[in-house]
Amino acid sequence: MSNFAYVAFDAHGRETKGLLDVEDQSEAVRRLKEMGYFPTKVVQRAVAAAKKEVRHRKATGRSSILTASIPMLGRGVKPKVLCTFTRQLATLIQAGMPLLRGLRILEEQETNPALKRVIAELAFSIEDGGTLSEALAQHPKVFNRLYVNMIKAGEMGGVLEVVLKRLAEFMEKAQKIKGKIVAAMFYPAAVITVAVAIMAILMVFVVPKFKDIFAGLLGGRPMPAFTVFILNISEAVKSHFVLTAGIVAACIAALKLFGMSQAGRRFFDRCKLSLPVIGPVLRKSAISRFSRTFGTLMSSGVPILQTLMIVKETAGNVIVGDAVSAVHECVKEGETITVPLKASGIFPSMVVGMVDVGEQTGALPEMLMKIADTYDEDVDNAVASMTSLLEPIMIVFLAIVVGSIVIALFLPLIGIIDGIDSDSGSRADG
């Protein structure tokens, strides 16, 4: 006996799929008619699998051998590109276009090779009878759990276009906040880079030349202690440049390895939230991300325990993730959300109070979205304030770094000028 895959309609016009263990195709058709079905497709399973592979290769433009040998090829899809795809798919479905046709249209117009290949695979899975959430789950490096679970909830509730629109809005706002923080950090990073480059040039090429000049002009008199200190640093950097660069690289690598460990990530995430200027911005950004993710998932119909697990994984900060984990355990035991939120020490009293009111009135998703909108505005204001505060700090820092080297080089010159004046006075008296 062989397995035959079939597609058929029942008496009410509903499509059904399944497998039959029969001798040949004719018997499969006869069996289906006896069951009251009207078969439209009956194919032996081995043949169907072969055809499926051929269609898959045509759709994706690559063979299974290539996929196995280079599994990471073309995996990168930027969040901005994914956000555009989500918004366009939501628009097409909202306009009444079937999902499969919408995916085919987006595949044709997509310019990003990685996403184009992924869309082709999604369309292939839909064409083969799968759901969109099942197809998305096959690409975890492109679509995270938040994305997949929201789509799944939208499919179950029959509001896929609404969920896609919410997803697009969520991703757009997340990118906007991230862009503002990155833009705010660009200035100090650029200033520090310039300062390091200037110091390296001065220490390796400029300062060593002054050592011989000062030795000849001072005539055996000792140089100022600060000048000697700077010259010694310059000599050490110049003579042991490779060793110094190796030590710096080793320190950076060690910090990165430590940051990849669980204890290291917890330490650095706690430090980020405690920094004097940047810490409040990162804290507000984390609260906004928590509230928007939580509210978006709940309003999309995802169960609360599953929602909390997804929020924990997408928190972006271990300390915030620990707080969400505590909330998950309390909710699992039938308790409220507010107690563990307050105990975490991360969420301000205003946030805890608003969550409490939302929980009691049954409007928690709406309240969470209000919290997210409020903290988005706070992040905007905090980023502007941080930028205006960091500018003078960075200028002063750069002035101190470069000015210290310049002062160290000028101190011997002052001594030389004083010596010349002393000699001139002595000759005049004589």
Protein backbone atom coordinates (compact mmCIF):
# COMPACT_ATOMS: atom_id res chain seq x y z
CA MET A 1 0.00 0.00 0.00
CA SER A 2 1.03 3.61 -0.61
CA ASN A 3 0.21 6.94 0.96
CA PHE A 4 -1.85 9.29 -1.21
CA ALA A 5 -2.26 12.97 -0.33
CA TYR A 6 -5.61 14.41 -1.31
CA VAL A 7 -7.44 17.74 -1.49
CA ALA A 8 -11.22 17.53 -1.61
CA PHE A 9 -14.44 19.43 -0.87
CA ASP A 10 -17.26 18.18 1.32
CA ALA A 11 -21.00 18.60 0.71
CA HIS A 12 -20.94 22.11 2.24
CA GLY A 13 -18.10 23.29 -0.01
CA ARG A 14 -15.44 23.24 2.70
CA GLU A 15 -11.94 22.21 1.62
CA THR A 16 -10.27 19.33 3.42
CA LYS A 17 -6.85 17.68 3.13
CA GLY A 18 -5.44 14.38 4.34
CA LEU A 19 -3.73 11.08 3.59
CA LEU A 20 -5.09 7.68 2.53
CA ASP A 21 -3.39 4.24 2.65
CA VAL A 22 -4.60 2.57 -0.56
CA GLU A 23 -3.19 0.49 -3.43
CA ASP A 24 -3.48 3.05 -6.24
CA GLN A 25 -4.93 6.42 -7.23
CA SER A 26 -8.21 4.97 -8.52
CA GLU A 27 -8.95 3.32 -5.18
CA ALA A 28 -8.12 6.60 -3.40
CA VAL A 29 -10.65 8.48 -5.57
CA ARG A 30 -13.28 5.78 -4.99
CA ARG A 31 -12.69 5.85 -1.21
CA LEU A 32 -13.05 9.64 -1.12
CA LYS A 33 -16.35 9.50 -3.00
CA GLU A 34 -17.60 6.87 -0.57
CA MET A 35 -16.75 9.28 2.25
CA GLY A 36 -18.89 11.96 0.60
CA TYR A 37 -16.00 14.07 -0.64
CA PHE A 38 -15.44 15.59 -4.08
CA PRO A 39 -11.71 15.14 -4.78
CA THR A 40 -9.82 17.84 -6.70
CA LYS A 41 -6.29 16.51 -6.22
CA VAL A 42 -5.00 13.01 -5.41
CA VAL A 43 -1.24 12.47 -5.61
CA GLN A 44 1.02 9.72 -4.30
CA ARG A 45 2.95 11.11 -1.33
CA ALA A 46 6.44 10.45 -2.75
CA VAL A 47 5.49 12.16 -6.02
CA ALA A 48 3.92 15.06 -4.12
CA ALA A 49 7.09 15.49 -2.08
CA ALA A 50 9.20 15.56 -5.25
CA LYS A 51 6.90 18.15 -6.87
CA LYS A 52 6.97 20.16 -3.69
CA GLU A 53 10.77 20.27 -3.75
CA VAL A 54 10.77 21.37 -7.41
CA ARG A 55 8.27 24.15 -6.71
CA HIS A 56 10.26 25.15 -3.64
CA ARG A 57 13.47 25.46 -5.67
CA LYS A 58 11.71 27.52 -8.31
CA ALA A 59 10.15 29.78 -5.70
CA THR A 60 13.28 30.38 -3.68
CA GLY A 61 15.80 30.27 -6.51
CA ARG A 62 18.20 27.92 -4.68
CA SER A 63 18.66 24.23 -4.07
CA SER A 64 18.48 22.36 -0.80
CA ILE A 65 22.16 21.47 -1.19
CA LEU A 66 23.14 25.14 -1.24
CA THR A 67 20.96 25.82 1.76
CA ALA A 68 22.61 23.01 3.70
CA SER A 69 26.13 24.07 2.80
CA ILE A 70 25.66 27.79 3.41
CA PRO A 71 22.86 28.09 5.98
CA MET A 72 23.54 31.73 6.90
CA LEU A 73 23.60 33.02 3.30
CA GLY A 74 21.31 36.03 2.86
CA ARG A 75 19.80 35.87 6.33
CA GLY A 76 20.20 39.55 7.14
CA VAL A 77 17.00 41.62 6.92
CA LYS A 78 17.18 45.08 8.51
CA PRO A 79 14.30 46.10 10.82
CA LYS A 80 13.49 49.09 8.59
CA VAL A 81 13.06 46.80 5.55
CA LEU A 82 10.95 44.34 7.56
CA CYS A 83 8.81 47.20 8.86
CA THR A 84 8.10 48.37 5.28
CA PHE A 85 7.16 44.83 4.25
CA THR A 86 4.76 44.53 7.21
CA ARG A 87 3.11 47.87 6.44
CA GLN A 88 2.68 46.99 2.75
CA LEU A 89 1.26 43.53 3.52
CA ALA A 90 -1.22 45.08 5.98
CA THR A 91 -2.33 47.59 3.33
CA LEU A 92 -2.85 44.88 0.69
CA ILE A 93 -4.85 42.61 3.00
CA GLN A 94 -6.90 45.53 4.31
CA ALA A 95 -7.76 46.37 0.68
CA GLY A 96 -9.27 42.86 0.32
CA MET A 97 -6.44 41.16 -1.54
CA PRO A 98 -5.88 37.43 -0.78
CA LEU A 99 -2.80 36.73 1.32
CA LEU A 100 -1.03 34.57 -1.26
CA ARG A 101 -1.51 37.10 -4.05
CA GLY A 102 -0.32 39.89 -1.76
CA LEU A 103 2.86 37.96 -0.96
CA ARG A 104 3.50 37.33 -4.66
CA ILE A 105 3.16 41.05 -5.43
CA LEU A 106 5.51 42.00 -2.60
CA GLU A 107 7.98 39.34 -3.75
CA GLU A 108 8.05 40.84 -7.27
CA GLN A 109 8.70 44.39 -6.08
CA GLU A 110 11.12 43.59 -3.23
CA THR A 111 14.69 44.76 -3.89
CA ASN A 112 16.31 43.24 -0.80
CA PRO A 113 17.58 39.77 -1.92
CA ALA A 114 17.31 38.19 1.52
CA LEU A 115 13.74 39.34 2.15
CA LYS A 116 12.73 38.51 -1.44
CA ARG A 117 13.85 34.91 -0.85
CA VAL A 118 12.03 34.78 2.49
CA ILE A 119 8.79 36.13 0.94
CA ALA A 120 9.04 33.47 -1.79
CA GLU A 121 9.32 30.77 0.87
CA LEU A 122 6.37 32.26 2.78
CA ALA A 123 4.25 32.22 -0.37
CA PHE A 124 5.29 28.65 -1.07
CA SER A 125 4.26 27.55 2.44
CA ILE A 126 0.88 29.33 2.12
CA GLU A 127 0.32 27.74 -1.28
CA ASP A 128 1.08 24.35 0.24
CA GLY A 129 -1.73 24.77 2.78
CA GLY A 130 0.10 26.17 5.79
CA THR A 131 -0.79 29.26 7.81
CA LEU A 132 1.16 32.52 7.76
CA SER A 133 2.29 32.12 11.38
CA GLU A 134 3.61 28.61 10.65
CA ALA A 135 5.48 29.95 7.62
CA LEU A 136 6.94 32.85 9.64
CA ALA A 137 8.06 30.47 12.40
CA GLN A 138 10.35 28.74 9.88
CA HIS A 139 12.46 31.94 9.71
CA PRO A 140 13.30 32.77 13.36
CA LYS A 141 16.28 34.94 12.37
CA VAL A 142 13.98 37.27 10.43
CA PHE A 143 10.70 37.07 12.39
CA ASN A 144 11.03 36.95 16.18
CA ARG A 145 8.55 35.39 18.61
CA LEU A 146 6.73 38.68 19.06
CA TYR A 147 6.03 38.87 15.32
CA VAL A 148 5.00 35.22 14.96
CA ASN A 149 2.70 35.15 17.99
CA MET A 150 0.92 38.36 17.04
CA ILE A 151 0.28 37.00 13.54
CA LYS A 152 -0.97 33.75 15.06
CA ALA A 153 -3.36 35.65 17.32
CA GLY A 154 -4.56 37.69 14.33
CA GLU A 155 -5.25 34.52 12.34
CA MET A 156 -7.17 32.96 15.20
CA GLY A 157 -9.26 36.09 15.72
CA GLY A 158 -9.79 36.78 12.00
CA VAL A 159 -8.18 40.23 12.29
CA LEU A 160 -4.89 39.63 10.49
CA GLU A 161 -4.90 43.03 8.76
CA VAL A 162 -5.42 44.81 12.11
CA VAL A 163 -2.57 42.89 13.74
CA LEU A 164 -0.24 43.57 10.81
CA LYS A 165 -1.02 47.28 11.09
CA ARG A 166 -0.30 47.21 14.84
CA LEU A 167 2.94 45.35 14.19
CA ALA A 168 4.03 47.93 11.63
CA GLU A 169 3.23 50.79 14.03
CA PHE A 170 5.07 49.02 16.85
CA MET A 171 8.16 48.46 14.71
CA GLU A 172 8.12 52.03 13.39
CA LYS A 173 7.98 53.53 16.87
CA ALA A 174 10.68 51.15 18.15
CA GLN A 175 12.94 52.18 15.25
CA LYS A 176 12.21 55.85 15.90
CA ILE A 177 13.22 55.62 19.56
CA LYS A 178 16.30 53.56 18.73
CA GLY A 179 17.31 56.05 16.04
CA LYS A 180 17.06 58.97 18.45
CA ILE A 181 19.21 57.24 21.07
CA VAL A 182 21.81 56.25 18.46
CA ALA A 183 21.85 59.82 17.13
CA ALA A 184 22.34 61.16 20.65
CA MET A 185 25.25 58.78 21.24
CA PHE A 186 26.91 59.61 17.91
CA TYR A 187 28.29 62.98 19.05
CA PRO A 188 30.13 61.78 22.18
CA ALA A 189 31.38 58.71 20.32
CA ALA A 190 32.74 60.92 17.52
CA VAL A 191 34.42 63.29 20.02
CA ILE A 192 36.04 60.40 21.90
CA THR A 193 37.28 58.90 18.62
CA VAL A 194 38.79 62.24 17.57
CA ALA A 195 40.37 62.66 21.00
CA VAL A 196 41.97 59.21 20.86
CA ALA A 197 43.25 59.85 17.32
CA ILE A 198 44.75 63.22 18.31
CA MET A 199 46.38 61.73 21.39
CA ALA A 200 47.87 58.88 19.36
CA ILE A 201 49.34 61.26 16.77
CA LEU A 202 50.74 63.61 19.40
CA MET A 203 52.20 60.83 21.53
CA VAL A 204 53.77 58.86 18.66
CA PHE A 205 54.96 61.58 16.27
CA VAL A 206 54.98 65.03 17.91
CA VAL A 207 55.96 64.71 21.58
CA PRO A 208 59.09 62.52 21.05
CA LYS A 209 60.67 65.23 18.85
CA PHE A 210 60.48 67.74 21.69
CA LYS A 211 62.51 65.51 24.02
CA ASP A 212 65.78 66.07 22.14
CA ILE A 213 65.01 69.77 21.65
CA PHE A 214 64.42 70.30 25.37
CA ALA A 215 67.55 68.34 26.29
CA GLY A 216 69.71 70.66 24.16
CA LEU A 217 68.06 73.93 25.20
CA LEU A 218 67.85 73.32 28.95
CA GLY A 219 71.58 72.79 29.19
CA GLY A 220 71.41 70.00 31.73
CA ARG A 221 68.69 71.58 33.88
CA PRO A 222 65.87 69.21 34.89
CA MET A 223 62.57 69.32 33.02
CA PRO A 224 59.29 69.91 34.89
CA ALA A 225 57.82 66.77 36.46
CA PHE A 226 54.60 66.96 34.40
CA THR A 227 56.60 67.20 31.18
CA VAL A 228 58.70 64.18 32.18
CA PHE A 229 55.49 62.27 32.90
CA ILE A 230 54.04 63.04 29.44
CA LEU A 231 57.36 62.25 27.71
CA ASN A 232 57.59 58.89 29.50
CA ILE A 233 54.06 57.99 28.39
CA SER A 234 54.91 59.02 24.82
CA GLU A 235 58.11 56.92 24.88
CA ALA A 236 56.24 53.90 26.22
CA VAL A 237 53.53 54.19 23.57
CA LYS A 238 56.02 54.68 20.73
CA SER A 239 58.45 51.96 21.81
CA HIS A 240 55.76 49.41 22.64
CA PHE A 241 53.01 50.41 20.20
CA VAL A 242 52.20 46.83 19.16
CA LEU A 243 52.16 45.66 22.78
CA THR A 244 49.98 48.63 23.82
CA ALA A 245 47.54 47.99 20.95
CA GLY A 246 47.48 44.29 21.87
CA ILE A 247 46.72 45.07 25.51
CA VAL A 248 43.91 47.44 24.52
CA ALA A 249 42.47 44.87 22.08
CA ALA A 250 42.73 42.13 24.73
CA CYS A 251 40.91 44.31 27.27
CA ILE A 252 38.12 45.06 24.78
CA ALA A 253 37.83 41.36 23.86
CA ALA A 254 37.75 40.37 27.54
CA LEU A 255 34.99 42.90 28.23
CA LYS A 256 32.99 41.59 25.27
CA LEU A 257 33.39 37.98 26.38
CA PHE A 258 32.39 38.94 29.90
CA GLY A 259 29.39 40.82 28.49
CA MET A 260 28.29 37.70 26.60
CA SER A 261 28.11 35.67 29.82
CA GLN A 262 24.96 35.75 31.95
CA ALA A 263 26.69 37.41 34.90
CA GLY A 264 28.45 39.93 32.65
CA ARG A 265 25.29 40.87 30.79
CA ARG A 266 23.46 41.34 34.08
CA PHE A 267 26.32 43.53 35.40
CA PHE A 268 26.48 45.73 32.28
CA ASP A 269 22.69 46.04 32.00
CA ARG A 270 22.50 47.15 35.63
CA CYS A 271 25.31 49.66 35.03
CA LYS A 272 23.53 51.04 31.96
CA LEU A 273 20.43 51.82 34.02
CA SER A 274 22.56 53.47 36.74
CA LEU A 275 24.67 55.78 34.53
CA PRO A 276 24.32 59.46 35.52
CA VAL A 277 23.31 60.99 32.17
CA ILE A 278 22.51 58.11 29.81
CA GLY A 279 20.94 55.85 32.46
CA PRO A 280 17.59 57.71 32.78
CA VAL A 281 17.17 57.73 28.99
CA LEU A 282 17.84 53.97 28.75
CA ARG A 283 15.48 53.31 31.67
CA LYS A 284 12.66 55.29 30.07
CA SER A 285 13.30 53.59 26.74
CA ALA A 286 13.13 50.15 28.43
CA ILE A 287 9.84 51.05 30.17
CA SER A 288 8.40 52.30 26.88
CA ARG A 289 9.46 49.11 25.09
CA PHE A 290 8.00 46.93 27.88
CA SER A 291 4.67 48.79 27.90
CA ARG A 292 4.27 48.92 24.12
CA THR A 293 5.16 45.24 23.62
CA PHE A 294 2.92 44.15 26.49
CA GLY A 295 0.00 46.30 25.35
CA THR A 296 0.33 45.35 21.67
CA LEU A 297 0.36 41.62 22.40
CA MET A 298 -2.59 41.80 24.83
CA SER A 299 -4.70 43.92 22.47
CA SER A 300 -3.95 41.40 19.70
CA GLY A 301 -5.43 38.55 21.76
CA VAL A 302 -2.25 36.74 22.85
CA PRO A 303 -2.77 34.96 26.25
CA ILE A 304 -1.21 36.91 29.12
CA LEU A 305 1.24 34.21 30.26
CA GLN A 306 2.51 33.76 26.72
CA THR A 307 2.62 37.55 26.38
CA LEU A 308 4.81 37.90 29.46
CA MET A 309 7.25 35.29 28.17
CA ILE A 310 7.57 37.13 24.86
CA VAL A 311 7.97 40.49 26.65
CA LYS A 312 10.75 38.99 28.76
CA GLU A 313 12.61 37.74 25.66
CA THR A 314 12.25 41.05 23.83
CA ALA A 315 12.95 43.33 26.82
CA GLY A 316 16.51 44.08 25.65
CA ASN A 317 17.72 44.32 29.26
CA VAL A 318 18.31 41.44 31.69
CA ILE A 319 17.20 43.48 34.73
CA VAL A 320 13.90 44.39 33.07
CA GLY A 321 13.58 40.77 31.92
CA ASP A 322 13.97 39.58 35.52
CA ALA A 323 11.17 41.93 36.60
CA VAL A 324 8.91 40.56 33.84
CA SER A 325 9.80 37.00 34.89
CA ALA A 326 8.67 37.83 38.44
CA VAL A 327 5.41 39.21 37.05
CA HIS A 328 4.94 35.98 35.06
CA GLU A 329 5.33 33.83 38.18
CA CYS A 330 2.87 35.97 40.15
CA VAL A 331 0.26 35.91 37.38
CA LYS A 332 0.68 32.15 37.07
CA GLU A 333 -0.16 31.89 40.79
CA GLY A 334 -3.26 34.06 40.31
CA GLU A 335 -1.83 37.26 41.78
CA THR A 336 -1.79 40.80 40.36
CA ILE A 337 0.83 42.40 38.10
CA THR A 338 1.48 45.48 40.21
CA VAL A 339 3.14 43.85 43.24
CA PRO A 340 6.19 42.40 41.40
CA LEU A 341 6.45 45.54 39.23
CA LYS A 342 6.72 47.70 42.33
CA ALA A 343 9.14 45.30 44.02
CA SER A 344 11.54 45.39 41.05
CA GLY A 345 12.54 48.99 41.73
CA ILE A 346 12.76 49.70 37.98
CA PHE A 347 9.26 50.96 37.26
CA PRO A 348 8.27 54.35 38.75
CA SER A 349 5.23 54.71 40.99
CA MET A 350 3.28 56.39 38.18
CA VAL A 351 3.71 53.36 35.91
CA VAL A 352 2.77 50.93 38.70
CA GLY A 353 -0.29 53.02 39.55
CA MET A 354 -1.48 53.21 35.94
CA VAL A 355 -1.01 49.45 35.50
CA ASP A 356 -2.98 48.89 38.72
CA VAL A 357 -5.86 51.05 37.49
CA GLY A 358 -5.82 49.33 34.09
CA GLU A 359 -5.86 45.91 35.72
CA GLN A 360 -8.79 46.79 37.98
CA THR A 361 -10.87 48.42 35.25
CA GLY A 362 -10.14 45.75 32.60
CA ALA A 363 -8.46 48.30 30.33
CA LEU A 364 -4.87 47.15 30.83
CA PRO A 365 -3.88 47.12 27.10
CA GLU A 366 -5.11 50.71 26.61
CA MET A 367 -3.36 51.85 29.80
CA LEU A 368 -0.10 50.20 28.73
CA MET A 369 -0.22 51.97 25.37
CA LYS A 370 -0.78 55.30 27.17
CA ILE A 371 2.28 54.59 29.32
CA ALA A 372 4.30 53.80 26.19
CA ASP A 373 3.21 57.03 24.47
CA THR A 374 4.04 59.06 27.59
CA TYR A 375 7.49 57.56 27.93
CA ASP A 376 8.17 57.94 24.21
CA GLU A 377 7.71 61.69 24.69
CA ASP A 378 9.88 61.57 27.81
CA VAL A 379 12.61 59.80 25.84
CA ASP A 380 12.43 62.49 23.14
CA ASN A 381 12.84 65.24 25.73
CA ALA A 382 15.54 63.34 27.62
CA VAL A 383 17.52 62.73 24.43
CA ALA A 384 17.37 66.44 23.55
CA SER A 385 18.49 67.39 27.08
CA MET A 386 21.23 64.78 27.08
CA THR A 387 22.55 66.00 23.73
CA SER A 388 22.67 69.60 24.90
CA LEU A 389 24.42 68.54 28.12
CA LEU A 390 26.92 66.22 26.46
CA GLU A 391 28.16 68.81 23.98
CA PRO A 392 29.89 71.09 26.52
CA ILE A 393 31.09 68.06 28.52
CA MET A 394 32.76 66.56 25.44
CA ILE A 395 34.28 69.91 24.46
CA VAL A 396 35.75 70.31 27.95
CA PHE A 397 37.01 66.72 27.87
CA LEU A 398 38.73 67.25 24.53
CA ALA A 399 40.20 70.55 25.72
CA ILE A 400 41.61 68.91 28.87
CA VAL A 401 43.16 66.02 26.92
CA VAL A 402 44.82 68.12 24.25
CA GLY A 403 45.50 71.05 26.58
CA SER A 404 47.37 68.83 29.06
CA ILE A 405 49.80 67.73 26.34
CA VAL A 406 50.26 71.31 25.11
CA ILE A 407 50.91 72.60 28.65
CA ALA A 408 53.43 69.82 29.27
CA LEU A 409 55.32 70.92 26.14
CA PHE A 410 55.19 74.61 27.04
CA LEU A 411 56.46 74.27 30.63
CA PRO A 412 60.10 73.65 29.56
CA LEU A 413 59.88 76.59 27.15
CA ILE A 414 58.90 78.84 30.04
CA GLY A 415 61.91 77.55 31.95
CA ILE A 416 64.17 78.22 28.96
CA ILE A 417 62.81 81.79 28.58
CA ASP A 418 63.33 82.43 32.31
CA GLY A 419 66.90 81.14 31.98
CA ILE A 420 67.58 83.45 29.03
CA ASP A 421 66.20 86.43 30.98
CA SER A 422 68.35 85.53 33.98
CA ASP A 423 71.48 85.33 31.83
CA SER A 424 70.68 88.67 30.18
CA GLY A 425 70.20 90.30 33.59
CA SER A 426 73.46 88.92 34.87
CA ARG A 427 75.35 90.25 31.87
CA ALA A 428 73.75 93.68 32.27
CA ASP A 429 74.77 93.83 35.92
CA GLY A 430 78.32 92.80 35.02
